[in-house]
C-alpha atoms as a PDB file:
ATOM      1  CA  MET A   1      18.931 108.876  94.949  1.00  0.00           C
ATOM      2  CA  PHE A   2      16.812 112.038  94.566  1.00  0.00           C
ATOM      3  CA  ILE A   3      14.684 111.296  97.609  1.00  0.00           C
ATOM      4  CA  TYR A   4      17.750 110.839  99.960  1.00  0.00           C
ATOM      5  CA  ILE A   5      19.429 114.048  98.737  1.00  0.00           C
ATOM      6  CA  THR A   6      16.243 116.086  98.928  1.00  0.00           C
ATOM      7  CA  SER A   7      15.166 114.790 102.334  1.00  0.00           C
ATOM      8  CA  VAL A   8      18.574 115.301 103.876  1.00  0.00           C
ATOM      9  CA  PHE A   9      18.701 118.896 102.474  1.00  0.00           C
ATOM     10  CA  CYS A  10      15.283 119.616 103.796  1.00  0.00           C
ATOM     11  CA  CYS A  11      15.998 118.207 107.318  1.00  0.00           C
ATOM     12  CA  ILE A  12      19.218 120.135 107.589  1.00  0.00           C
ATOM     13  CA  LEU A  13      17.461 123.327 106.533  1.00  0.00           C
ATOM     14  CA  LEU A  14      14.719 122.798 109.211  1.00  0.00           C
ATOM     15  CA  ILE A  15      17.396 122.172 111.901  1.00  0.00           C
ATOM     16  CA  CYS A  16      19.243 125.364 110.911  1.00  0.00           C
ATOM     17  CA  VAL A  17      15.972 127.177 111.661  1.00  0.00           C
ATOM     18  CA  ALA A  18      15.545 125.241 114.941  1.00  0.00           C
ATOM     19  CA  ASP A  19      19.010 126.103 116.076  1.00  0.00           C
ATOM     20  CA  LYS A  20      18.046 129.721 116.254  1.00  0.00           C
ATOM     21  CA  LEU A  21      14.944 129.133 118.358  1.00  0.00           C
ATOM     22  CA  ASN A  22      14.455 128.572 122.049  1.00  0.00           C
ATOM     23  CA  LYS A  23      14.050 125.111 123.370  1.00  0.00           C
ATOM     24  CA  ARG A  24      10.248 125.050 123.268  1.00  0.00           C
ATOM     25  CA  ALA A  25       9.905 126.587 119.781  1.00  0.00           C
ATOM     26  CA  LYS A  26      12.340 123.897 118.459  1.00  0.00           C
ATOM     27  CA  VAL A  27       9.672 121.200 118.899  1.00  0.00           C
ATOM     28  CA  LEU A  28       7.879 121.976 115.635  1.00  0.00           C
ATOM     29  CA  PRO A  29      10.826 121.841 113.270  1.00  0.00           C
ATOM     30  CA  PHE A  30      12.007 118.673 115.027  1.00  0.00           C
ATOM     31  CA  ALA A  31       8.500 117.164 114.692  1.00  0.00           C
ATOM     32  CA  ILE A  32       8.573 117.854 110.834  1.00  0.00           C
ATOM     33  CA  VAL A  33      12.126 116.267 110.612  1.00  0.00           C
ATOM     34  CA  PHE A  34      10.839 113.291 112.422  1.00  0.00           C
ATOM     35  CA  LEU A  35       7.930 112.828 110.030  1.00  0.00           C
ATOM     36  CA  ILE A  36      10.186 113.201 106.956  1.00  0.00           C
ATOM     37  CA  LEU A  37      12.702 110.699 108.150  1.00  0.00           C
ATOM     38  CA  PHE A  38      10.130 108.264 109.529  1.00  0.00           C
ATOM     39  CA  THR A  39       8.229 108.250 106.237  1.00  0.00           C
ATOM     40  CA  ILE A  40      11.391 107.524 104.285  1.00  0.00           C
ATOM     41  CA  SER A  41      12.518 104.762 106.640  1.00  0.00           C
ATOM     42  CA  GLY A  42       9.221 103.233 107.607  1.00  0.00           C
ATOM     43  CA  PHE A  43       7.663 103.075 104.266  1.00  0.00           C
ATOM     44  CA  ARG A  44      10.608 101.925 102.269  1.00  0.00           C
ATOM     45  CA  TYR A  45      10.066  98.717 100.278  1.00  0.00           C
ATOM     46  CA  GLY A  46      12.831  96.173  99.596  1.00  0.00           C
ATOM     47  CA  VAL A  47      15.440  98.756 100.503  1.00  0.00           C
ATOM     48  CA  GLY A  48      18.497  97.411 102.423  1.00  0.00           C
ATOM     49  CA  THR A  49      20.223  93.975 102.061  1.00  0.00           C
ATOM     50  CA  ASP A  50      18.383  92.513 105.094  1.00  0.00           C
ATOM     51  CA  TYR A  51      14.876  93.705 104.085  1.00  0.00           C
ATOM     52  CA  PHE A  52      14.115  90.448 102.230  1.00  0.00           C
ATOM     53  CA  PHE A  53      17.123  88.430 103.477  1.00  0.00           C
ATOM     54  CA  THR A  54      16.439  88.630 107.169  1.00  0.00           C
ATOM     55  CA  TYR A  55      13.314  90.768 108.256  1.00  0.00           C
ATOM     56  CA  VAL A  56      10.660  89.580 105.920  1.00  0.00           C
ATOM     57  CA  PRO A  57      11.464  85.902 106.294  1.00  0.00           C
ATOM     58  CA  THR A  58      11.463  86.278 110.110  1.00  0.00           C
ATOM     59  CA  TYR A  59       8.115  88.090 110.091  1.00  0.00           C
ATOM     60  CA  LYS A  60       6.645  85.301 108.010  1.00  0.00           C
ATOM     61  CA  GLN A  61       8.026  82.590 110.254  1.00  0.00           C
ATOM     62  CA  ILE A  62       6.502  84.198 113.329  1.00  0.00           C
ATOM     63  CA  TYR A  63       3.223  84.744 111.325  1.00  0.00           C
ATOM     64  CA  ASN A  64       3.263  80.971 110.601  1.00  0.00           C
ATOM     65  CA  GLY A  65       3.828  80.060 114.244  1.00  0.00           C
ATOM     66  CA  THR A  66       7.444  78.983 113.837  1.00  0.00           C
ATOM     67  CA  PRO A  67       9.545  81.820 115.240  1.00  0.00           C
ATOM     68  CA  PRO A  68      13.360  81.457 114.793  1.00  0.00           C
ATOM     69  CA  PRO A  69      15.578  82.141 117.796  1.00  0.00           C
ATOM     70  CA  MET A  70      15.770  85.898 118.327  1.00  0.00           C
ATOM     71  CA  GLU A  71      15.935  88.693 120.861  1.00  0.00           C
ATOM     72  CA  PRO A  72      12.726  88.817 122.920  1.00  0.00           C
ATOM     73  CA  ILE A  73      11.640  92.418 122.392  1.00  0.00           C
ATOM     74  CA  PHE A  74      12.210  92.261 118.716  1.00  0.00           C
ATOM     75  CA  GLN A  75       9.992  89.039 118.583  1.00  0.00           C
ATOM     76  CA  TRP A  76       7.405  90.730 120.720  1.00  0.00           C
ATOM     77  CA  LEU A  77       7.200  93.569 118.262  1.00  0.00           C
ATOM     78  CA  ASN A  78       6.762  91.270 115.336  1.00  0.00           C
ATOM     79  CA  GLU A  79       4.022  89.609 117.183  1.00  0.00           C
ATOM     80  CA  LEU A  80       2.343  92.922 117.940  1.00  0.00           C
ATOM     81  CA  CYS A  81       2.531  93.812 114.286  1.00  0.00           C
ATOM     82  CA  ILE A  82       1.020  90.541 113.347  1.00  0.00           C
ATOM     83  CA  ASP A  83      -1.945  91.034 115.864  1.00  0.00           C
ATOM     84  CA  PHE A  84      -2.731  94.345 114.237  1.00  0.00           C
ATOM     85  CA  ALA A  85      -1.640  94.063 110.569  1.00  0.00           C
ATOM     86  CA  GLY A  86      -1.649  90.366 109.937  1.00  0.00           C
ATOM     87  CA  SER A  87       0.598  89.202 107.171  1.00  0.00           C
ATOM     88  CA  TRP A  88       1.465  92.763 106.142  1.00  0.00           C
ATOM     89  CA  TYR A  89       5.270  92.638 106.918  1.00  0.00           C
ATOM     90  CA  GLN A  90       5.744  96.295 106.123  1.00  0.00           C
ATOM     91  CA  SER A  91       4.257  97.051 109.578  1.00  0.00           C
ATOM     92  CA  ILE A  92       7.514  95.889 111.305  1.00  0.00           C
ATOM     93  CA  PHE A  93       9.540  98.382 109.364  1.00  0.00           C
ATOM     94  CA  ILE A  94       6.983 101.142 110.168  1.00  0.00           C
ATOM     95  CA  VAL A  95       7.185 100.339 113.944  1.00  0.00           C
ATOM     96  CA  THR A  96      10.930  99.937 114.080  1.00  0.00           C
ATOM     97  CA  SER A  97      11.502 103.131 112.151  1.00  0.00           C
ATOM     98  CA  PHE A  98       9.145 105.072 114.433  1.00  0.00           C
ATOM     99  CA  ILE A  99      11.202 103.866 117.470  1.00  0.00           C
ATOM    100  CA  PHE A 100      14.583 104.508 115.850  1.00  0.00           C
ATOM    101  CA  ILE A 101      13.910 107.918 114.431  1.00  0.00           C
ATOM    102  CA  GLY A 102      12.096 109.041 117.559  1.00  0.00           C
ATOM    103  CA  LEU A 103      14.986 108.030 119.813  1.00  0.00           C
ATOM    104  CA  ILE A 104      17.495 109.881 117.566  1.00  0.00           C
ATOM    105  CA  CYS A 105      15.388 113.044 117.568  1.00  0.00           C
ATOM    106  CA  ILE A 106      15.295 112.906 121.368  1.00  0.00           C
ATOM    107  CA  VAL A 107      18.939 112.568 121.644  1.00  0.00           C
ATOM    108  CA  ILE A 108      19.735 115.387 119.126  1.00  0.00           C
ATOM    109  CA  TYR A 109      17.170 117.697 120.766  1.00  0.00           C
ATOM    110  CA  ASN A 110      18.734 117.150 124.323  1.00  0.00           C
ATOM    111  CA  MET A 111      22.429 117.163 123.430  1.00  0.00           C
ATOM    112  CA  PRO A 112      24.094 120.504 124.576  1.00  0.00           C
ATOM    113  CA  CYS A 113      25.764 121.272 121.107  1.00  0.00           C
ATOM    114  CA  SER A 114      24.847 122.448 117.683  1.00  0.00           C
ATOM    115  CA  LYS A 115      21.792 120.618 116.353  1.00  0.00           C
ATOM    116  CA  VAL A 116      23.005 121.166 112.805  1.00  0.00           C
ATOM    117  CA  LEU A 117      26.365 119.480 113.497  1.00  0.00           C
ATOM    118  CA  LEU A 118      24.604 116.579 115.086  1.00  0.00           C
ATOM    119  CA  THR A 119      21.989 116.314 112.263  1.00  0.00           C
ATOM    120  CA  VAL A 120      24.598 116.416 109.514  1.00  0.00           C
ATOM    121  CA  SER A 121      26.585 113.871 111.409  1.00  0.00           C
ATOM    122  CA  PHE A 122      23.717 111.523 111.805  1.00  0.00           C
ATOM    123  CA  LEU A 123      22.171 111.870 108.221  1.00  0.00           C
ATOM    124  CA  CYS A 124      25.443 111.990 106.251  1.00  0.00           C
ATOM    125  CA  GLY A 125      27.864 110.319 108.495  1.00  0.00           C
ATOM    126  CA  GLY A 126      26.517 106.813 107.906  1.00  0.00           C
ATOM    127  CA  PHE A 127      24.237 106.098 110.884  1.00  0.00           C
ATOM    128  CA  PHE A 128      20.886 106.879 109.114  1.00  0.00           C
ATOM    129  CA  LEU A 129      21.543 104.857 105.835  1.00  0.00           C
ATOM    130  CA  TYR A 130      23.123 102.035 107.879  1.00  0.00           C
ATOM    131  CA  SER A 131      19.868 101.705 109.795  1.00  0.00           C
ATOM    132  CA  PHE A 132      18.042 100.627 106.636  1.00  0.00           C
ATOM    133  CA  ASN A 133      19.889  97.485 106.705  1.00  0.00           C
ATOM    134  CA  VAL A 134      20.926  96.704 110.381  1.00  0.00           C
ATOM    135  CA  VAL A 135      17.609  97.448 112.027  1.00  0.00           C
ATOM    136  CA  ARG A 136      17.857  95.867 115.414  1.00  0.00           C
ATOM    137  CA  GLN A 137      21.389  96.934 116.126  1.00  0.00           C
ATOM    138  CA  THR A 138      20.884 100.556 115.160  1.00  0.00           C
ATOM    139  CA  ILE A 139      17.856 100.722 117.557  1.00  0.00           C
ATOM    140  CA  ALA A 140      20.008  99.253 120.278  1.00  0.00           C
ATOM    141  CA  THR A 141      22.713 101.936 119.613  1.00  0.00           C
ATOM    142  CA  ALA A 142      20.069 104.661 119.627  1.00  0.00           C
ATOM    143  CA  LEU A 143      18.776 103.410 123.042  1.00  0.00           C
ATOM    144  CA  PHE A 144      22.434 103.586 124.324  1.00  0.00           C
ATOM    145  CA  CYS A 145      22.642 107.212 123.058  1.00  0.00           C
ATOM    146  CA  CYS A 146      19.597 108.035 125.213  1.00  0.00           C
ATOM    147  CA  ALA A 147      21.217 106.159 128.131  1.00  0.00           C
ATOM    148  CA  LEU A 148      24.251 108.582 127.894  1.00  0.00           C
ATOM    149  CA  LEU A 149      21.941 111.443 128.601  1.00  0.00           C
ATOM    150  CA  PHE A 150      21.147 109.878 131.914  1.00  0.00           C
ATOM    151  CA  VAL A 151      24.790 108.939 132.586  1.00  0.00           C
ATOM    152  CA  GLU A 152      25.704 112.615 132.134  1.00  0.00           C
ATOM    153  CA  ARG A 153      22.927 113.627 134.614  1.00  0.00           C
ATOM    154  CA  ASN A 154      24.198 111.127 137.084  1.00  0.00           C
ATOM    155  CA  MET A 155      27.746 112.568 136.806  1.00  0.00           C
ATOM    156  CA  ASP A 156      26.218 115.943 137.320  1.00  0.00           C
ATOM    157  CA  ASP A 157      24.582 114.749 140.619  1.00  0.00           C
ATOM    158  CA  LYS A 158      21.023 115.244 139.182  1.00  0.00           C
ATOM    159  CA  LYS A 159      18.885 112.590 140.683  1.00  0.00           C
ATOM    160  CA  ARG A 160      21.861 110.167 140.760  1.00  0.00           C
ATOM    161  CA  LEU A 161      20.054 106.942 141.565  1.00  0.00           C
ATOM    162  CA  GLN A 162      17.165 107.493 139.226  1.00  0.00           C
ATOM    163  CA  SER A 163      19.427 108.592 136.367  1.00  0.00           C
ATOM    164  CA  LEU A 164      21.704 105.456 136.679  1.00  0.00           C
ATOM    165  CA  LEU A 165      18.649 103.219 136.876  1.00  0.00           C
ATOM    166  CA  ALA A 166      17.232 104.835 133.747  1.00  0.00           C
ATOM    167  CA  ALA A 167      20.539 104.336 131.840  1.00  0.00           C
ATOM    168  CA  PHE A 168      20.770 100.666 132.780  1.00  0.00           C
ATOM    169  CA  SER A 169      17.107 100.157 131.974  1.00  0.00           C
ATOM    170  CA  LEU A 170      17.525 101.640 128.468  1.00  0.00           C
ATOM    171  CA  VAL A 171      20.563  99.331 127.902  1.00  0.00           C
ATOM    172  CA  ALA A 172      18.452  96.347 129.123  1.00  0.00           C
ATOM    173  CA  ILE A 173      15.785  97.204 126.386  1.00  0.00           C
ATOM    174  CA  ALA A 174      18.628  97.557 123.885  1.00  0.00           C
ATOM    175  CA  VAL A 175      19.643  94.006 124.723  1.00  0.00           C
ATOM    176  CA  GLY A 176      16.092  92.936 123.891  1.00  0.00           C
ATOM    177  CA  PHE A 177      16.656  94.207 120.380  1.00  0.00           C
ATOM    178  CA  HIS A 178      20.114  92.859 119.903  1.00  0.00           C
ATOM    179  CA  TYR A 179      22.258  90.698 122.275  1.00  0.00           C
ATOM    180  CA  SER A 180      25.500  92.419 121.291  1.00  0.00           C
ATOM    181  CA  ALA A 181      24.241  95.432 123.274  1.00  0.00           C
ATOM    182  CA  LEU A 182      25.226  93.505 126.426  1.00  0.00           C
ATOM    183  CA  ILE A 183      28.583  95.148 126.095  1.00  0.00           C
ATOM    184  CA  TYR A 184      27.020  98.572 126.893  1.00  0.00           C
ATOM    185  CA  PHE A 185      26.505  97.475 130.556  1.00  0.00           C
ATOM    186  CA  VAL A 186      30.319  97.204 130.858  1.00  0.00           C
ATOM    187  CA  VAL A 187      30.743 100.445 128.904  1.00  0.00           C
ATOM    188  CA  ILE A 188      28.534 102.450 131.203  1.00  0.00           C
ATOM    189  CA  ALA A 189      30.692 101.431 134.222  1.00  0.00           C
ATOM    190  CA  LEU A 190      33.838 102.353 132.337  1.00  0.00           C
ATOM    191  CA  LEU A 191      32.533 105.769 131.398  1.00  0.00           C
ATOM    192  CA  TYR A 192      33.388 106.969 134.882  1.00  0.00           C
ATOM    193  CA  LEU A 193      37.138 106.306 134.481  1.00  0.00           C
ATOM    194  CA  LYS A 194      39.504 109.218 135.087  1.00  0.00           C
ATOM    195  CA  LEU A 195      42.936 107.765 134.312  1.00  0.00           C
ATOM    196  CA  ASP A 196      46.291 109.319 133.481  1.00  0.00           C
ATOM    197  CA  LYS A 197      47.183 109.536 129.824  1.00  0.00           C
ATOM    198  CA  LYS A 198      49.989 107.034 130.176  1.00  0.00           C
ATOM    199  CA  ILE A 199      47.525 104.522 131.663  1.00  0.00           C
ATOM    200  CA  TYR A 200      45.082 104.897 128.844  1.00  0.00           C
ATOM    201  CA  LEU A 201      47.874 104.468 126.240  1.00  0.00           C
ATOM    202  CA  SER A 202      49.262 101.431 128.053  1.00  0.00           C
ATOM    203  CA  PHE A 203      45.849  99.720 128.039  1.00  0.00           C
ATOM    204  CA  PHE A 204      45.282 100.661 124.478  1.00  0.00           C
ATOM    205  CA  PHE A 205      48.611  99.271 123.158  1.00  0.00           C
ATOM    206  CA  ALA A 206      48.437  96.192 125.414  1.00  0.00           C
ATOM    207  CA  SER A 207      44.963  95.444 124.052  1.00  0.00           C
ATOM    208  CA  ALA A 208      46.284  95.832 120.497  1.00  0.00           C
ATOM    209  CA  VAL A 209      48.916  93.119 121.257  1.00  0.00           C
ATOM    210  CA  LEU A 210      46.374  90.840 122.889  1.00  0.00           C
ATOM    211  CA  VAL A 211      43.800  90.968 120.083  1.00  0.00           C
ATOM    212  CA  PRO A 212      44.573  87.401 118.947  1.00  0.00           C
ATOM    213  CA  THR A 213      43.969  86.091 122.550  1.00  0.00           C
ATOM    214  CA  PHE A 214      40.727  88.100 122.703  1.00  0.00           C
ATOM    215  CA  VAL A 215      39.531  86.450 119.421  1.00  0.00           C
ATOM    216  CA  ILE A 216      40.267  82.948 120.790  1.00  0.00           C
ATOM    217  CA  VAL A 217      38.269  83.677 124.074  1.00  0.00           C
ATOM    218  CA  ILE A 218      35.376  85.179 122.178  1.00  0.00           C
ATOM    219  CA  GLY A 219      35.434  82.025 119.827  1.00  0.00           C
ATOM    220  CA  ILE A 220      35.073  79.848 122.927  1.00  0.00           C
ATOM    221  CA  LEU A 221      32.233  81.923 124.455  1.00  0.00           C
ATOM    222  CA  LEU A 222      30.223  81.949 121.145  1.00  0.00           C
ATOM    223  CA  LYS A 223      30.797  78.292 120.231  1.00  0.00           C
ATOM    224  CA  GLY A 224      27.542  76.465 119.781  1.00  0.00           C
ATOM    225  CA  THR A 225      25.448  79.715 119.516  1.00  0.00           C
ATOM    226  CA  LYS A 226      23.924  81.361 116.472  1.00  0.00           C
ATOM    227  CA  TYR A 227      26.724  83.968 116.660  1.00  0.00           C
ATOM    228  CA  GLU A 228      29.468  81.343 116.216  1.00  0.00           C
ATOM    229  CA  ASN A 229      29.751  82.586 112.481  1.00  0.00           C
ATOM    230  CA  TYR A 230      31.177  85.916 113.983  1.00  0.00           C
ATOM    231  CA  ILE A 231      34.340  83.898 114.435  1.00  0.00           C
ATOM    232  CA  SER A 232      34.092  81.053 111.860  1.00  0.00           C
ATOM    233  CA  GLY A 233      33.282  83.454 109.066  1.00  0.00           C
ATOM    234  CA  TYR A 234      30.787  80.884 107.755  1.00  0.00           C
ATOM    235  CA  TRP A 235      28.779  83.877 106.389  1.00  0.00           C
ATOM    236  CA  PRO A 236      30.620  86.340 104.096  1.00  0.00           C
ATOM    237  CA  ASP A 237      30.777  89.801 105.536  1.00  0.00           C
ATOM    238  CA  PRO A 238      30.334  92.515 102.916  1.00  0.00           C
ATOM    239  CA  SER A 239      30.987  95.165 105.483  1.00  0.00           C
ATOM    240  CA  LYS A 240      34.408  93.599 106.477  1.00  0.00           C
ATOM    241  CA  ALA A 241      36.404  96.183 104.701  1.00  0.00           C
ATOM    242  CA  PHE A 242      38.453  99.329 105.480  1.00  0.00           C
ATOM    243  CA  SER A 243      36.135 101.721 107.276  1.00  0.00           C
ATOM    244  CA  LEU A 244      36.599 105.526 107.510  1.00  0.00           C
ATOM    245  CA  SER A 245      34.063 105.687 110.271  1.00  0.00           C
ATOM    246  CA  SER A 246      36.133 103.162 112.402  1.00  0.00           C
ATOM    247  CA  LEU A 247      39.436 104.979 111.546  1.00  0.00           C
ATOM    248  CA  LEU A 248      37.738 108.296 112.531  1.00  0.00           C
ATOM    249  CA  PHE A 249      36.547 106.776 115.839  1.00  0.00           C
ATOM    250  CA  VAL A 250      39.933 105.525 116.854  1.00  0.00           C
ATOM    251  CA  GLY A 251      41.651 108.796 115.774  1.00  0.00           C
ATOM    252  CA  PHE A 252      39.383 110.688 117.954  1.00  0.00           C
ATOM    253  CA  PHE A 253      40.334 108.644 120.932  1.00  0.00           C
ATOM    254  CA  PHE A 254      43.765 110.230 120.670  1.00  0.00           C
ATOM    255  CA  VAL A 255      42.271 113.659 120.017  1.00  0.00           C
ATOM    256  CA  TYR A 256      40.283 113.427 123.269  1.00  0.00           C
ATOM    257  CA  LEU A 257      43.200 111.925 125.078  1.00  0.00           C
ATOM    258  CA  PHE A 258      45.520 114.676 124.278  1.00  0.00           C
ATOM    259  CA  THR A 259      43.077 117.455 124.840  1.00  0.00           C
ATOM    260  CA  GLU A 260      42.761 119.086 128.316  1.00  0.00           C
ATOM    261  CA  SER A 261      39.293 118.908 129.551  1.00  0.00           C
ATOM    262  CA  LYS A 262      37.287 121.973 130.717  1.00  0.00           C
ATOM    263  CA  GLU A 263      36.420 121.920 134.383  1.00  0.00           C
ATOM    264  CA  ASP A 264      33.547 119.625 135.284  1.00  0.00           C
ATOM    265  CA  ASP A 265      32.856 118.744 131.630  1.00  0.00           C
ATOM    266  CA  HIS A 266      31.203 115.339 132.059  1.00  0.00           C
ATOM    267  CA  TRP A 267      30.405 114.912 128.339  1.00  0.00           C
ATOM    268  CA  PHE A 268      34.101 115.289 127.632  1.00  0.00           C
ATOM    269  CA  ASN A 269      34.852 112.524 130.085  1.00  0.00           C
ATOM    270  CA  ILE A 270      32.039 110.359 128.733  1.00  0.00           C
ATOM    271  CA  PHE A 271      33.351 110.673 125.109  1.00  0.00           C
ATOM    272  CA  ARG A 272      36.989 110.142 126.062  1.00  0.00           C
ATOM    273  CA  ASN A 273      36.129 106.839 127.759  1.00  0.00           C
ATOM    274  CA  LEU A 274      33.680 105.902 125.100  1.00  0.00           C
ATOM    275  CA  HIS A 275      36.389 106.294 122.338  1.00  0.00           C
ATOM    276  CA  PHE A 276      38.838 104.379 124.601  1.00  0.00           C
ATOM    277  CA  VAL A 277      36.637 101.314 125.110  1.00  0.00           C
ATOM    278  CA  GLY A 278      35.299 101.518 121.605  1.00  0.00           C
ATOM    279  CA  SER A 279      38.706 101.704 119.979  1.00  0.00           C
ATOM    280  CA  ILE A 280      39.720  98.419 121.714  1.00  0.00           C
ATOM    281  CA  ALA A 281      36.381  96.899 120.604  1.00  0.00           C
ATOM    282  CA  ILE A 282      36.986  98.035 117.026  1.00  0.00           C
ATOM    283  CA  MET A 283      40.557  96.493 116.970  1.00  0.00           C
ATOM    284  CA  ILE A 284      38.990  93.191 118.064  1.00  0.00           C
ATOM    285  CA  GLY A 285      36.063  93.490 115.651  1.00  0.00           C
ATOM    286  CA  LEU A 286      38.381  94.060 112.657  1.00  0.00           C
ATOM    287  CA  SER A 287      40.032  90.752 113.492  1.00  0.00           C
ATOM    288  CA  ILE A 288      36.769  88.746 113.444  1.00  0.00           C
ATOM    289  CA  PRO A 289      34.581  87.869 110.399  1.00  0.00           C
ATOM    290  CA  LEU A 290      31.231  89.751 110.850  1.00  0.00           C
ATOM    291  CA  GLY A 291      33.023  91.746 113.672  1.00  0.00           C
ATOM    292  CA  GLN A 292      32.307  94.914 111.914  1.00  0.00           C
ATOM    293  CA  ARG A 293      28.686  94.550 113.146  1.00  0.00           C
ATOM    294  CA  VAL A 294      30.002  94.689 116.818  1.00  0.00           C
ATOM    295  CA  SER A 295      32.322  97.544 115.897  1.00  0.00           C
ATOM    296  CA  ALA A 296      29.294  99.567 114.701  1.00  0.00           C
ATOM    297  CA  LEU A 297      28.072  99.664 118.297  1.00  0.00           C
ATOM    298  CA  PHE A 298      30.772 102.175 118.740  1.00  0.00           C
ATOM    299  CA  TYR A 299      31.826 103.962 115.570  1.00  0.00           C
ATOM    300  CA  LEU A 300      28.209 104.948 114.980  1.00  0.00           C
ATOM    301  CA  LEU A 301      28.652 107.220 118.052  1.00  0.00           C
ATOM    302  CA  ASN A 302      30.846 109.518 116.112  1.00  0.00           C
ATOM    303  CA  PHE A 303      27.685 111.336 115.355  1.00  0.00           C
ATOM    304  CA  LEU A 304      27.679 112.520 119.033  1.00  0.00           C
ATOM    305  CA  SER A 305      31.231 112.811 120.081  1.00  0.00           C
ATOM    306  CA  ILE A 306      32.691 114.565 117.109  1.00  0.00           C
ATOM    307  CA  PRO A 307      30.092 117.422 117.002  1.00  0.00           C
ATOM    308  CA  TYR A 308      30.530 117.906 120.693  1.00  0.00           C
ATOM    309  CA  TYR A 309      34.324 118.303 120.387  1.00  0.00           C
ATOM    310  CA  LEU A 310      34.048 120.651 117.434  1.00  0.00           C
ATOM    311  CA  GLU A 311      31.507 122.768 119.322  1.00  0.00           C
ATOM    312  CA  TYR A 312      33.435 123.200 122.540  1.00  0.00           C
ATOM    313  CA  TYR A 313      37.077 122.448 121.984  1.00  0.00           C
ATOM    314  CA  ILE A 314      37.823 124.068 118.662  1.00  0.00           C
ATOM    315  CA  THR A 315      38.301 127.794 119.047  1.00  0.00           C
ATOM    316  CA  GLY A 316      39.458 130.874 117.123  1.00  0.00           C
ATOM    317  CA  LYS A 317      39.750 131.187 113.470  1.00  0.00           C
ATOM    318  CA  ASN A 318      40.097 127.444 112.816  1.00  0.00           C
ATOM    319  CA  LYS A 319      36.661 126.739 114.157  1.00  0.00           C
ATOM    320  CA  MET A 320      34.625 127.467 111.049  1.00  0.00           C
ATOM    321  CA  PHE A 321      37.299 125.823 108.879  1.00  0.00           C
ATOM    322  CA  ILE A 322      37.300 122.602 110.868  1.00  0.00           C
ATOM    323  CA  LYS A 323      33.491 122.547 110.875  1.00  0.00           C
ATOM    324  CA  ILE A 324      33.456 122.971 107.100  1.00  0.00           C
ATOM    325  CA  LEU A 325      35.988 120.225 106.733  1.00  0.00           C
ATOM    326  CA  TYR A 326      33.814 117.924 108.881  1.00  0.00           C
ATOM    327  CA  PHE A 327      30.737 118.843 106.928  1.00  0.00           C
ATOM    328  CA  SER A 328      32.608 117.973 103.683  1.00  0.00           C
ATOM    329  CA  PHE A 329      33.686 114.591 105.077  1.00  0.00           C
ATOM    330  CA  CYS A 330      29.991 113.764 106.090  1.00  0.00           C
ATOM    331  CA  PHE A 331      28.859 114.750 102.692  1.00  0.00           C
ATOM    332  CA  PHE A 332      31.464 112.714 100.967  1.00  0.00           C
ATOM    333  CA  MET A 333      30.555 109.684 102.978  1.00  0.00           C
ATOM    334  CA  PHE A 334      26.854 110.198 102.158  1.00  0.00           C
ATOM    335  CA  LEU A 335      27.432 110.634  98.447  1.00  0.00           C
ATOM    336  CA  HIS A 336      29.952 107.724  98.331  1.00  0.00           C
ATOM    337  CA  THR A 337      27.442 105.450 100.053  1.00  0.00           C
ATOM    338  CA  LEU A 338      24.826 106.347  97.417  1.00  0.00           C
ATOM    339  CA  ALA A 339      27.326 106.009  94.587  1.00  0.00           C
ATOM    340  CA  VAL A 340      28.394 102.449  95.608  1.00  0.00           C
ATOM    341  CA  ASN A 341      24.838 101.643  96.606  1.00  0.00           C
ATOM    342  CA  GLY A 342      26.084 100.527 100.053  1.00  0.00           C
ATOM    343  CA  ASN A 343      23.907  97.828 101.638  1.00  0.00           C
ATOM    344  CA  SER A 344      21.489  97.962  98.681  1.00  0.00           C
ATOM    345  CA  ILE A 345      19.709 101.187  99.592  1.00  0.00           C
ATOM    346  CA  LEU A 346      19.056 101.891  95.885  1.00  0.00           C
ATOM    347  CA  PRO A 347      16.724 101.987  94.085  1.00  0.00           C
ATOM    348  CA  TYR A 348      14.374 103.509  96.673  1.00  0.00           C
ATOM    349  CA  ASN A 349      10.787 102.087  96.517  1.00  0.00           C
ATOM    350  CA  PHE A 350       7.880 103.346  98.424  1.00  0.00           C
ATOM    351  CA  ALA A 351       5.697 100.706 100.109  1.00  0.00           C
ATOM    352  CA  ILE A 352       2.317 102.322  99.241  1.00  0.00           C
ATOM    353  CA  ARG A 353       1.733 102.799  95.572  1.00  0.00           C
END
């Protein structure tokens, strides 16, 4: 537990310093933060439920020449690690952590709001610790976060065609890590919506009523695939429980919906539509065994949308109070995850002894 608390404290302190520097000078503290988080994530040993349950057996199967069905890019990464590191399965965690932490640092560095808010949201709000268990999906979500940077550029008429191609290319790579990321192709198209509040609400409540129908259709589509257990519940889902992150994500759909956007605020429109689509996906996900894994494609994005709203749409005397309240919520989530040992992140063991 000490290593998590110490590293989070050091990273937040470094980002506090970076927030006061110009964009070029921020690079050094960000590089140090990257090294800290990469070391903790990449050199963990036996940390996370899926470490020995999924990823080590997968690596060994590929090493022995009998790869199980899996996404192509993740299989290629395993094969690449085997070429260079042989049977040392720790190498796949080093490579995936390098990719994941690198992508997150790029996103935080380029987002137009407080880096401290974003960092606290990422480290303490659940995304960072969740990545110790759900490796492929969190990389896919991090790639989508990068894609959002290009979507915003596209809306701002900056190299429109190139930006859109870059966004879809990143989502295509995300699909190579986890097939559930296919939904992001649809999401990108829906981010351009500009609907009346009544239409958003009508779609939202109609979707809530039609959730059982959606579940049946999804069951038909997944029948005979390795994802059929998402419907059948053949495997127990320890994450299928009340989720504060999901509730917060749905709650912020209504916050964004009933807030007047500033003129030409593309990020506001992106996040409002993201919470709209994601809230519907979460309602469906909570009705499906293992559906929480799909819901995570959206509620993990709280780490971007909530800091942005707090930065630009909370004003006056309440701003500092609301920020402190959000920091407190994130720290509570962080400490609660450590206290209950969520996804078996404790004890922390270092791979090199």
